[in-house]
Protein backbone atom coordinates (compact mmCIF):
# COMPACT_ATOMS: atom_id res chain seq x y z
CA UNK A 1 0.00 0.00 0.00
CA UNK A 2 1.33 3.42 -0.91
CA UNK A 3 2.02 5.96 1.76
CA UNK A 4 -0.96 8.26 2.20
CA UNK A 5 -0.86 12.02 2.04
CA UNK A 6 -0.57 14.02 5.25
CA UNK A 7 -4.02 14.34 6.77
CA UNK A 8 -5.26 17.87 7.26
CA UNK A 9 -7.78 16.80 9.92
CA UNK A 10 -6.43 14.08 12.25
CA UNK A 11 -8.76 12.21 14.56
CA UNK A 12 -8.00 14.50 17.50
CA UNK A 13 -9.01 17.49 15.39
CA UNK A 14 -12.42 16.11 14.43
CA UNK A 15 -13.04 15.03 18.02
CA UNK A 16 -12.34 18.58 19.19
CA UNK A 17 -14.76 19.87 16.58
CA UNK A 18 -17.52 17.52 17.71
CA UNK A 19 -16.90 18.39 21.36
CA UNK A 20 -17.24 22.07 20.47
CA UNK A 21 -20.56 21.35 18.76
CA UNK A 22 -21.70 19.47 21.85
CA UNK A 23 -21.19 22.59 23.96
CA UNK A 24 -22.70 24.97 21.38
CA UNK A 25 -25.95 23.17 20.53
CA UNK A 26 -29.01 22.88 22.80
CA UNK A 27 -29.20 19.39 24.30
CA UNK A 28 -32.61 18.61 22.72
CA UNK A 29 -31.55 19.77 19.25
CA UNK A 30 -31.69 16.79 16.86
CA UNK A 31 -28.23 17.46 15.47
CA UNK A 32 -26.88 17.66 19.02
CA UNK A 33 -28.42 14.26 19.82
CA UNK A 34 -26.69 12.66 16.83
CA UNK A 35 -23.46 14.55 17.51
CA UNK A 36 -23.23 13.06 21.02
CA UNK A 37 -23.67 9.56 19.58
CA UNK A 38 -21.10 10.13 16.86
CA UNK A 39 -18.65 11.70 19.28
CA UNK A 40 -18.83 8.55 21.41
CA UNK A 41 -18.19 6.38 18.34
CA UNK A 42 -15.24 8.50 17.19
CA UNK A 43 -13.70 8.48 20.66
CA UNK A 44 -14.08 4.68 20.73
CA UNK A 45 -12.34 4.40 17.35
CA UNK A 46 -9.56 6.68 18.58
CA UNK A 47 -9.03 4.49 21.66
CA UNK A 48 -8.96 1.40 19.48
CA UNK A 49 -6.30 2.96 17.29
CA UNK A 50 -4.25 4.00 20.33
CA UNK A 51 -4.41 0.49 21.81
CA UNK A 52 -3.45 -1.24 18.57
CA UNK A 53 -6.78 -2.91 17.80
CA UNK A 54 -6.43 -1.88 14.16
CA UNK A 55 -3.78 -3.81 12.24
CA UNK A 56 -3.16 -0.81 9.98
CA UNK A 57 -3.47 2.31 12.12
CA UNK A 58 -2.73 4.65 9.22
CA UNK A 59 -5.56 3.18 7.15
CA UNK A 60 -7.92 3.34 10.13
CA UNK A 61 -7.09 6.99 10.77
CA UNK A 62 -7.57 7.85 7.12
CA UNK A 63 -10.98 6.18 6.94
CA UNK A 64 -12.11 7.64 10.27
CA UNK A 65 -11.12 11.18 9.33
CA UNK A 66 -12.59 11.04 5.84
CA UNK A 67 -15.79 9.69 7.39
CA UNK A 68 -16.03 12.44 10.01
CA UNK A 69 -15.28 15.15 7.47
CA UNK A 70 -18.44 14.24 5.56
CA UNK A 71 -20.63 14.94 8.60
CA UNK A 72 -18.77 18.11 9.56
CA UNK A 73 -19.03 19.41 5.99
CA UNK A 74 -22.81 18.98 6.18
CA UNK A 75 -22.85 20.93 9.46
CA UNK A 76 -20.78 23.71 7.88
CA UNK A 77 -23.08 23.86 4.85
CA UNK A 78 -26.13 24.47 7.02
CA UNK A 79 -24.27 27.05 9.13
CA UNK A 80 -23.36 28.89 5.91
CA UNK A 81 -26.98 28.66 4.67
CA UNK A 82 -26.07 26.21 1.93
CA UNK A 83 -27.89 22.95 1.19
CA UNK A 84 -26.34 19.86 2.76
CA UNK A 85 -26.48 16.48 0.98
CA UNK A 86 -30.00 15.09 0.64
CA UNK A 87 -29.28 12.36 3.21
CA UNK A 88 -28.74 15.03 5.90
CA UNK A 89 -31.60 17.40 5.06
CA UNK A 90 -34.33 15.64 7.07
CA UNK A 91 -32.27 15.78 10.28
CA UNK A 92 -31.59 19.50 9.87
CA UNK A 93 -35.18 20.22 8.84
CA UNK A 94 -36.73 18.36 11.79
CA UNK A 95 -34.03 19.04 14.38
CA UNK A 96 -36.38 21.12 16.59
CA UNK A 97 -39.66 19.32 15.91
CA UNK A 98 -41.37 18.57 19.26
CA UNK A 99 -42.97 15.39 17.94
CA UNK A 100 -39.67 13.70 17.04
CA UNK A 101 -38.00 11.74 19.82
CA UNK A 102 -34.27 11.72 20.61
CA UNK A 103 -33.82 8.12 19.43
CA UNK A 104 -35.26 9.06 16.04
CA UNK A 105 -32.74 11.89 15.70
CA UNK A 106 -29.87 9.58 16.64
CA UNK A 107 -30.83 6.83 14.20
CA UNK A 108 -31.66 9.24 11.35
CA UNK A 109 -28.18 10.71 11.70
CA UNK A 110 -26.60 7.26 11.82
CA UNK A 111 -28.60 6.27 8.74
CA UNK A 112 -27.37 9.33 6.81
CA UNK A 113 -23.79 8.87 7.91
CA UNK A 114 -23.60 5.10 7.38
CA UNK A 115 -25.83 4.83 4.32
CA UNK A 116 -24.22 7.64 2.34
CA UNK A 117 -21.13 9.14 3.96
CA UNK A 118 -19.34 5.90 4.82
CA UNK A 119 -19.47 4.65 1.22
CA UNK A 120 -17.99 7.90 -0.09
CA UNK A 121 -15.46 8.06 2.74
CA UNK A 122 -14.23 4.56 1.93
CA UNK A 123 -13.68 5.58 -1.70
CA UNK A 124 -11.94 8.78 -0.53
CA UNK A 125 -9.67 6.75 1.74
CA UNK A 126 -8.80 4.31 -1.04
CA UNK A 127 -7.79 7.18 -3.29
CA UNK A 128 -5.70 8.73 -0.53
CA UNK A 129 -3.98 5.44 0.27
CA UNK A 130 -3.78 4.24 -3.34
CA UNK A 131 -5.45 0.94 -2.55
CA UNK A 132 -8.53 -1.14 -3.37
CA UNK A 133 -11.63 -1.22 -1.10
CA UNK A 134 -10.92 -4.85 -0.18
CA UNK A 135 -7.63 -3.72 1.41
CA UNK A 136 -9.63 -1.58 3.86
CA UNK A 137 -12.28 -4.19 4.61
CA UNK A 138 -10.85 -4.95 8.07
CA UNK A 139 -10.91 -1.25 9.02
CA UNK A 140 -14.43 -0.90 7.58
CA UNK A 141 -15.63 -3.91 9.58
CA UNK A 142 -13.99 -2.71 12.79
CA UNK A 143 -15.67 0.69 12.57
CA UNK A 144 -18.96 -1.06 11.78
CA UNK A 145 -18.57 -3.37 14.77
CA UNK A 146 -18.11 -0.37 17.06
CA UNK A 147 -21.27 1.21 15.68
CA UNK A 148 -23.26 -1.98 16.16
CA UNK A 149 -22.02 -2.35 19.74
CA UNK A 150 -23.14 1.20 20.48
CA UNK A 151 -26.52 0.92 18.76
CA UNK A 152 -28.06 -1.25 21.48
CA UNK A 153 -26.78 1.11 24.17
CA UNK A 154 -28.17 4.08 22.25
CA UNK A 155 -31.59 2.47 22.03
CA UNK A 156 -31.58 1.69 25.75
CA UNK A 157 -30.41 5.17 26.73
CA UNK A 158 -32.82 7.08 24.50
CA UNK A 159 -35.88 4.82 24.77
CA UNK A 160 -36.01 3.66 28.39
CA UNK A 161 -38.95 1.79 29.84
CA UNK A 162 -40.26 -1.74 30.42
CA UNK A 163 -40.21 -4.00 27.37
CA UNK A 164 -43.94 -4.58 27.72
CA UNK A 165 -44.63 -0.88 27.22
CA UNK A 166 -42.19 -0.62 24.33
CA UNK A 167 -44.14 -3.25 22.38
CA UNK A 168 -47.11 -0.89 22.18
CA UNK A 169 -45.02 2.21 21.51
CA UNK A 170 -45.35 3.46 17.89
CA UNK A 171 -41.64 4.26 17.99
CA UNK A 172 -40.89 0.55 18.35
CA UNK A 173 -42.81 -0.21 15.17
CA UNK A 174 -41.28 2.68 13.24
CA UNK A 175 -37.70 1.77 14.07
CA UNK A 176 -38.21 -1.96 13.72
CA UNK A 177 -37.94 -1.60 9.94
CA UNK A 178 -34.40 -0.17 10.09
CA UNK A 179 -31.25 -2.18 10.80
CA UNK A 180 -27.70 -0.93 11.21
CA UNK A 181 -26.37 -4.31 10.10
CA UNK A 182 -28.34 -4.15 6.84
CA UNK A 183 -27.31 -0.53 6.31
CA UNK A 184 -23.64 -1.43 6.79
CA UNK A 185 -23.86 -4.31 4.32
CA UNK A 186 -25.53 -2.08 1.74
CA UNK A 187 -22.83 0.56 2.25
CA UNK A 188 -20.05 -1.92 1.55
CA UNK A 189 -21.74 -2.88 -1.71
CA UNK A 190 -22.29 0.78 -2.62
CA UNK A 191 -18.64 1.64 -1.97
CA UNK A 192 -17.43 -1.22 -4.15
CA UNK A 193 -19.82 -0.15 -6.91
CA UNK A 194 -18.60 3.45 -6.70
CA UNK A 195 -15.01 2.31 -6.89
CA UNK A 196 -15.78 0.18 -9.95
CA UNK A 197 -17.42 3.20 -11.58
CA UNK A 198 -14.30 5.31 -11.04
CA UNK A 199 -13.53 5.38 -14.78
CA UNK A 200 -17.12 6.33 -15.62
CA UNK A 201 -17.55 9.68 -13.85
CA UNK A 202 -21.02 10.41 -15.22
CA UNK A 203 -22.37 7.09 -13.99
CA UNK A 204 -20.53 7.46 -10.68
CA UNK A 205 -22.11 10.90 -10.17
CA UNK A 206 -25.57 9.56 -11.00
CA UNK A 207 -25.11 6.60 -8.65
CA UNK A 208 -23.96 8.91 -5.84
CA UNK A 209 -26.92 11.24 -6.36
CA UNK A 210 -29.41 8.38 -6.26
CA UNK A 211 -27.76 6.88 -3.19
CA UNK A 212 -27.95 10.26 -1.46
CA UNK A 213 -31.65 10.63 -2.29
CA UNK A 214 -32.54 7.09 -1.20
CA UNK A 215 -30.76 7.44 2.13
CA UNK A 216 -32.42 10.82 2.66
CA UNK A 217 -35.83 9.24 2.08
CA UNK A 218 -35.13 6.61 4.73
CA UNK A 219 -34.02 9.29 7.19
CA UNK A 220 -37.22 11.22 6.55
CA UNK A 221 -39.26 8.13 7.42
CA UNK A 222 -37.26 7.62 10.62
CA UNK A 223 -38.13 11.19 11.63
CA UNK A 224 -41.91 10.76 11.35
CA UNK A 225 -43.40 12.82 14.23
CA UNK A 226 -45.07 10.60 16.81
CA UNK A 227 -47.71 11.22 19.49
CA UNK A 228 -46.56 11.38 23.12
C-alpha cells in the first residue's frame, strides 16, 4: 500500500470539533443528539487505534477522518446557509420538531452517515492510500462493529422503559424496519460499486446522487413525528 498524504484533519481534530458542537448546541436539538452519539463512536475508534486494535493504524485513521469530514461538511453547509447532501436534510429540517423523539434523531443521523457518507469516505480513503476497497475491509468492519455495539446502548439510553410498554409504543414499530447491520452491508456494496465506476464519472455521479436521495428518504421516514 502506498504511503498516504498528510491528513489535514487528524482524529483529534475532528473530536475537538464535535466536542465544540456538543457545547454549542441545545441538548434537545436533533443534530446535538446525533453529535453526542457520533462523538462517542469517534472516541471509541480513537481508543482502538491507540491500543493497537487496528492492524493498519494509518488506514484506520484515514478512513475515520474522511468519514467524520463528511458529517462536519454537512454541518458547515447548514451554518453557511447552503444545502447539505439530501441524506442530511431531514435531520436539519426536523431538528427542533417537538414530535420527534431523541432516538429518532440519533438513528436518522446514523442512517445518513452510514448509508451515504461511509461509502464515499471509503472511496476517498482508497484514493488517498492508493489501494482497493478490499484492502480496507478490516478497518471498515472494525468501525462497523463499534457502531453496532453502540446501537443497542443508544436504544436503551434514548428509549427507556419496560419492554412490555415498548411493544405498544409506535416508535418501536417505526424503528423496527431499520437495521444498522443491513445498512452497513448495503454501504459496503455501494462503496465497491462506486469504486468500480471510477472510470465512468457520469455514472458514478448519478449513482452517488441516487444513493444520497434514497438514504435521505429513509431518514425522513425515521423522523416521522409521533404522538406522546
